[in-house]
Amino acid sequence: MAHAVSAAAMSSFVTSPLIFTVVQHDGAWSVEHDGRHSNRSADKAVAIASASKLARAALAGGRPAQVRIEGETGYF
C-alpha cells in the first residue's frame, strides 16, 4: 500500500544549499564556506571560477549549492 507524503513532510527532506561566497580577505580574493577561506587569488575571476568548481562538485554529489560574490547581487 502506497503512502501519500505531504508537502510539509517533503520539505524536511530538502537540504539547505551549500553557500560558497567570493570575498576579499587579507588583501586577496578567496572562497568562504562555513567560515573557512580557501582558494586565495589576486584575481577575482580566478576566485569566482574556484567557487563555481566547488559548487559543481557539490551538485555532482547530490547537494544543492550556490555561489555568491561580495559586492554583487545585494548580499553585502
N, C-alpha and C. Protein backbone atom coordinates (compact mmCIF):
# COMPACT_ATOMS: atom_id res chain seq x y z
N MET A 1 0.84 -1.18 0.00
CA MET A 1 0.00 0.00 0.00
C MET A 1 0.88 1.24 0.00
N ALA A 2 0.67 2.15 -0.94
CA ALA A 2 1.45 3.38 -1.04
C ALA A 2 0.94 4.40 -0.04
N HIS A 3 1.86 5.16 0.49
CA HIS A 3 1.51 6.21 1.44
C HIS A 3 1.75 7.56 0.78
N ALA A 4 0.82 8.47 0.94
CA ALA A 4 0.98 9.83 0.42
C ALA A 4 1.87 10.61 1.39
N VAL A 5 2.72 11.43 0.83
CA VAL A 5 3.61 12.27 1.64
C VAL A 5 3.21 13.72 1.41
N SER A 6 2.98 14.44 2.50
CA SER A 6 2.56 15.84 2.38
C SER A 6 3.73 16.72 1.95
N ALA A 7 3.40 17.89 1.44
CA ALA A 7 4.43 18.85 1.03
C ALA A 7 5.27 19.26 2.24
N ALA A 8 4.64 19.40 3.40
CA ALA A 8 5.39 19.77 4.60
C ALA A 8 6.40 18.68 4.97
N ALA A 9 6.00 17.43 4.84
CA ALA A 9 6.92 16.34 5.15
C ALA A 9 8.06 16.29 4.14
N MET A 10 7.73 16.55 2.86
CA MET A 10 8.77 16.55 1.84
C MET A 10 9.78 17.65 2.06
N SER A 11 9.35 18.81 2.56
CA SER A 11 10.27 19.92 2.77
C SER A 11 11.32 19.58 3.82
N SER A 12 11.02 18.65 4.72
CA SER A 12 12.01 18.26 5.71
C SER A 12 13.14 17.45 5.09
N PHE A 13 12.90 16.90 3.88
CA PHE A 13 13.93 16.14 3.18
C PHE A 13 14.85 17.04 2.35
N VAL A 14 14.42 18.28 2.10
CA VAL A 14 15.20 19.19 1.28
C VAL A 14 16.40 19.68 2.08
N THR A 15 17.55 19.60 1.47
CA THR A 15 18.78 20.02 2.12
C THR A 15 19.07 21.48 1.80
N SER A 16 19.51 22.22 2.78
CA SER A 16 19.90 23.61 2.54
C SER A 16 21.09 23.63 1.59
N PRO A 17 21.15 24.63 0.71
CA PRO A 17 22.27 24.67 -0.22
C PRO A 17 23.58 25.00 0.48
N LEU A 18 24.65 24.47 -0.06
CA LEU A 18 25.98 24.87 0.39
C LEU A 18 26.24 26.23 -0.25
N ILE A 19 26.71 27.19 0.54
CA ILE A 19 26.95 28.54 0.05
C ILE A 19 28.45 28.76 -0.06
N PHE A 20 28.91 29.09 -1.25
CA PHE A 20 30.31 29.45 -1.49
C PHE A 20 30.33 30.93 -1.85
N THR A 21 30.99 31.74 -1.02
CA THR A 21 30.98 33.18 -1.20
C THR A 21 32.38 33.67 -1.56
N VAL A 22 32.48 34.41 -2.66
CA VAL A 22 33.75 35.00 -3.08
C VAL A 22 33.87 36.34 -2.35
N VAL A 23 34.92 36.49 -1.54
CA VAL A 23 35.11 37.68 -0.71
C VAL A 23 36.55 38.17 -0.80
N GLN A 24 36.73 39.45 -0.47
CA GLN A 24 38.08 39.95 -0.28
C GLN A 24 38.49 39.62 1.14
N HIS A 25 39.67 39.01 1.28
CA HIS A 25 40.14 38.57 2.59
C HIS A 25 41.66 38.70 2.63
N ASP A 26 42.16 39.47 3.58
CA ASP A 26 43.61 39.66 3.75
C ASP A 26 44.29 40.09 2.45
N GLY A 27 43.69 41.03 1.74
CA GLY A 27 44.31 41.60 0.55
C GLY A 27 44.19 40.77 -0.72
N ALA A 28 43.42 39.71 -0.70
CA ALA A 28 43.24 38.88 -1.89
C ALA A 28 41.78 38.43 -1.95
N TRP A 29 41.41 37.81 -3.04
CA TRP A 29 40.08 37.22 -3.17
C TRP A 29 40.15 35.77 -2.73
N SER A 30 39.12 35.30 -2.04
CA SER A 30 39.08 33.91 -1.62
C SER A 30 37.65 33.40 -1.62
N VAL A 31 37.51 32.11 -1.46
CA VAL A 31 36.20 31.49 -1.37
C VAL A 31 35.95 31.15 0.09
N GLU A 32 34.86 31.69 0.63
CA GLU A 32 34.49 31.43 2.02
C GLU A 32 33.36 30.41 2.03
N HIS A 33 33.52 29.39 2.86
CA HIS A 33 32.48 28.38 3.04
C HIS A 33 32.55 27.90 4.48
N ASP A 34 31.45 27.98 5.19
CA ASP A 34 31.37 27.56 6.60
C ASP A 34 32.43 28.25 7.45
N GLY A 35 32.70 29.53 7.18
CA GLY A 35 33.63 30.30 7.99
C GLY A 35 35.10 30.07 7.66
N ARG A 36 35.38 29.26 6.66
CA ARG A 36 36.77 28.98 6.29
C ARG A 36 37.05 29.58 4.91
N HIS A 37 38.25 30.11 4.75
CA HIS A 37 38.65 30.71 3.48
C HIS A 37 39.60 29.77 2.75
N SER A 38 39.41 29.65 1.43
CA SER A 38 40.28 28.80 0.62
C SER A 38 40.42 29.42 -0.77
N ASN A 39 41.25 28.83 -1.57
CA ASN A 39 41.41 29.21 -2.97
C ASN A 39 41.72 30.70 -3.14
N ARG A 40 42.72 31.20 -2.40
CA ARG A 40 43.11 32.61 -2.48
C ARG A 40 43.67 32.93 -3.86
N SER A 41 43.36 34.15 -4.32
CA SER A 41 43.88 34.61 -5.60
C SER A 41 43.86 36.14 -5.63
N ALA A 42 44.83 36.72 -6.31
CA ALA A 42 44.82 38.16 -6.52
C ALA A 42 43.76 38.55 -7.54
N ASP A 43 43.32 37.59 -8.33
CA ASP A 43 42.37 37.81 -9.42
C ASP A 43 40.97 37.35 -9.00
N LYS A 44 40.02 38.28 -8.99
CA LYS A 44 38.64 37.97 -8.60
C LYS A 44 38.04 36.88 -9.49
N ALA A 45 38.32 36.94 -10.80
CA ALA A 45 37.76 35.95 -11.73
C ALA A 45 38.24 34.54 -11.40
N VAL A 46 39.48 34.41 -10.96
CA VAL A 46 40.00 33.09 -10.58
C VAL A 46 39.27 32.56 -9.35
N ALA A 47 39.02 33.44 -8.38
CA ALA A 47 38.28 33.03 -7.18
C ALA A 47 36.84 32.63 -7.53
N ILE A 48 36.23 33.36 -8.45
CA ILE A 48 34.87 33.01 -8.89
C ILE A 48 34.87 31.64 -9.57
N ALA A 49 35.87 31.40 -10.41
CA ALA A 49 35.97 30.09 -11.08
C ALA A 49 36.16 28.98 -10.05
N SER A 50 36.95 29.24 -9.01
CA SER A 50 37.16 28.24 -7.96
C SER A 50 35.86 27.95 -7.21
N ALA A 51 35.11 29.00 -6.89
CA ALA A 51 33.83 28.82 -6.20
C ALA A 51 32.85 28.03 -7.07
N SER A 52 32.84 28.33 -8.36
CA SER A 52 31.96 27.61 -9.28
C SER A 52 32.33 26.14 -9.36
N LYS A 53 33.62 25.86 -9.36
CA LYS A 53 34.08 24.46 -9.41
C LYS A 53 33.65 23.72 -8.14
N LEU A 54 33.79 24.37 -6.99
CA LEU A 54 33.36 23.75 -5.73
C LEU A 54 31.85 23.50 -5.73
N ALA A 55 31.09 24.46 -6.25
CA ALA A 55 29.63 24.31 -6.30
C ALA A 55 29.23 23.17 -7.25
N ARG A 56 29.90 23.08 -8.40
CA ARG A 56 29.59 21.99 -9.33
C ARG A 56 29.91 20.63 -8.72
N ALA A 57 31.00 20.55 -7.95
CA ALA A 57 31.34 19.29 -7.29
C ALA A 57 30.28 18.92 -6.26
N ALA A 58 29.77 19.92 -5.54
CA ALA A 58 28.70 19.65 -4.57
C ALA A 58 27.45 19.16 -5.29
N LEU A 59 27.10 19.81 -6.40
CA LEU A 59 25.93 19.39 -7.17
C LEU A 59 26.09 17.97 -7.70
N ALA A 60 27.29 17.64 -8.15
CA ALA A 60 27.55 16.29 -8.66
C ALA A 60 27.40 15.26 -7.54
N GLY A 61 27.64 15.70 -6.30
CA GLY A 61 27.49 14.81 -5.15
C GLY A 61 26.08 14.80 -4.59
N GLY A 62 25.17 15.51 -5.27
CA GLY A 62 23.77 15.48 -4.84
C GLY A 62 23.39 16.58 -3.87
N ARG A 63 24.28 17.53 -3.62
CA ARG A 63 23.96 18.63 -2.70
C ARG A 63 23.66 19.90 -3.48
N PRO A 64 22.60 20.61 -3.14
CA PRO A 64 22.37 21.90 -3.79
C PRO A 64 23.47 22.88 -3.36
N ALA A 65 23.84 23.79 -4.24
CA ALA A 65 24.90 24.73 -3.94
C ALA A 65 24.62 26.07 -4.59
N GLN A 66 25.22 27.11 -4.02
CA GLN A 66 25.03 28.46 -4.53
C GLN A 66 26.34 29.21 -4.42
N VAL A 67 26.66 30.03 -5.43
CA VAL A 67 27.83 30.89 -5.39
C VAL A 67 27.35 32.32 -5.22
N ARG A 68 27.91 33.02 -4.26
CA ARG A 68 27.62 34.43 -4.03
C ARG A 68 28.94 35.19 -4.19
N ILE A 69 28.84 36.43 -4.64
CA ILE A 69 30.03 37.25 -4.86
C ILE A 69 29.89 38.55 -4.09
N GLU A 70 30.86 38.83 -3.26
CA GLU A 70 30.84 40.04 -2.45
C GLU A 70 30.71 41.27 -3.33
N GLY A 71 29.81 42.17 -2.96
CA GLY A 71 29.63 43.40 -3.70
C GLY A 71 28.68 43.29 -4.88
N GLU A 72 28.18 42.10 -5.16
CA GLU A 72 27.26 41.90 -6.27
C GLU A 72 25.97 41.26 -5.76
N THR A 73 24.88 41.54 -6.39
CA THR A 73 23.55 40.98 -6.12
C THR A 73 22.97 41.38 -4.76
N GLY A 74 23.51 42.42 -4.13
CA GLY A 74 22.90 42.94 -2.92
C GLY A 74 23.11 42.16 -1.65
N TYR A 75 24.00 41.19 -1.62
CA TYR A 75 24.22 40.42 -0.39
C TYR A 75 25.06 41.16 0.62
N PHE A 76 25.86 42.15 0.18
CA PHE A 76 26.76 42.85 1.10
C PHE A 76 26.54 44.33 1.03
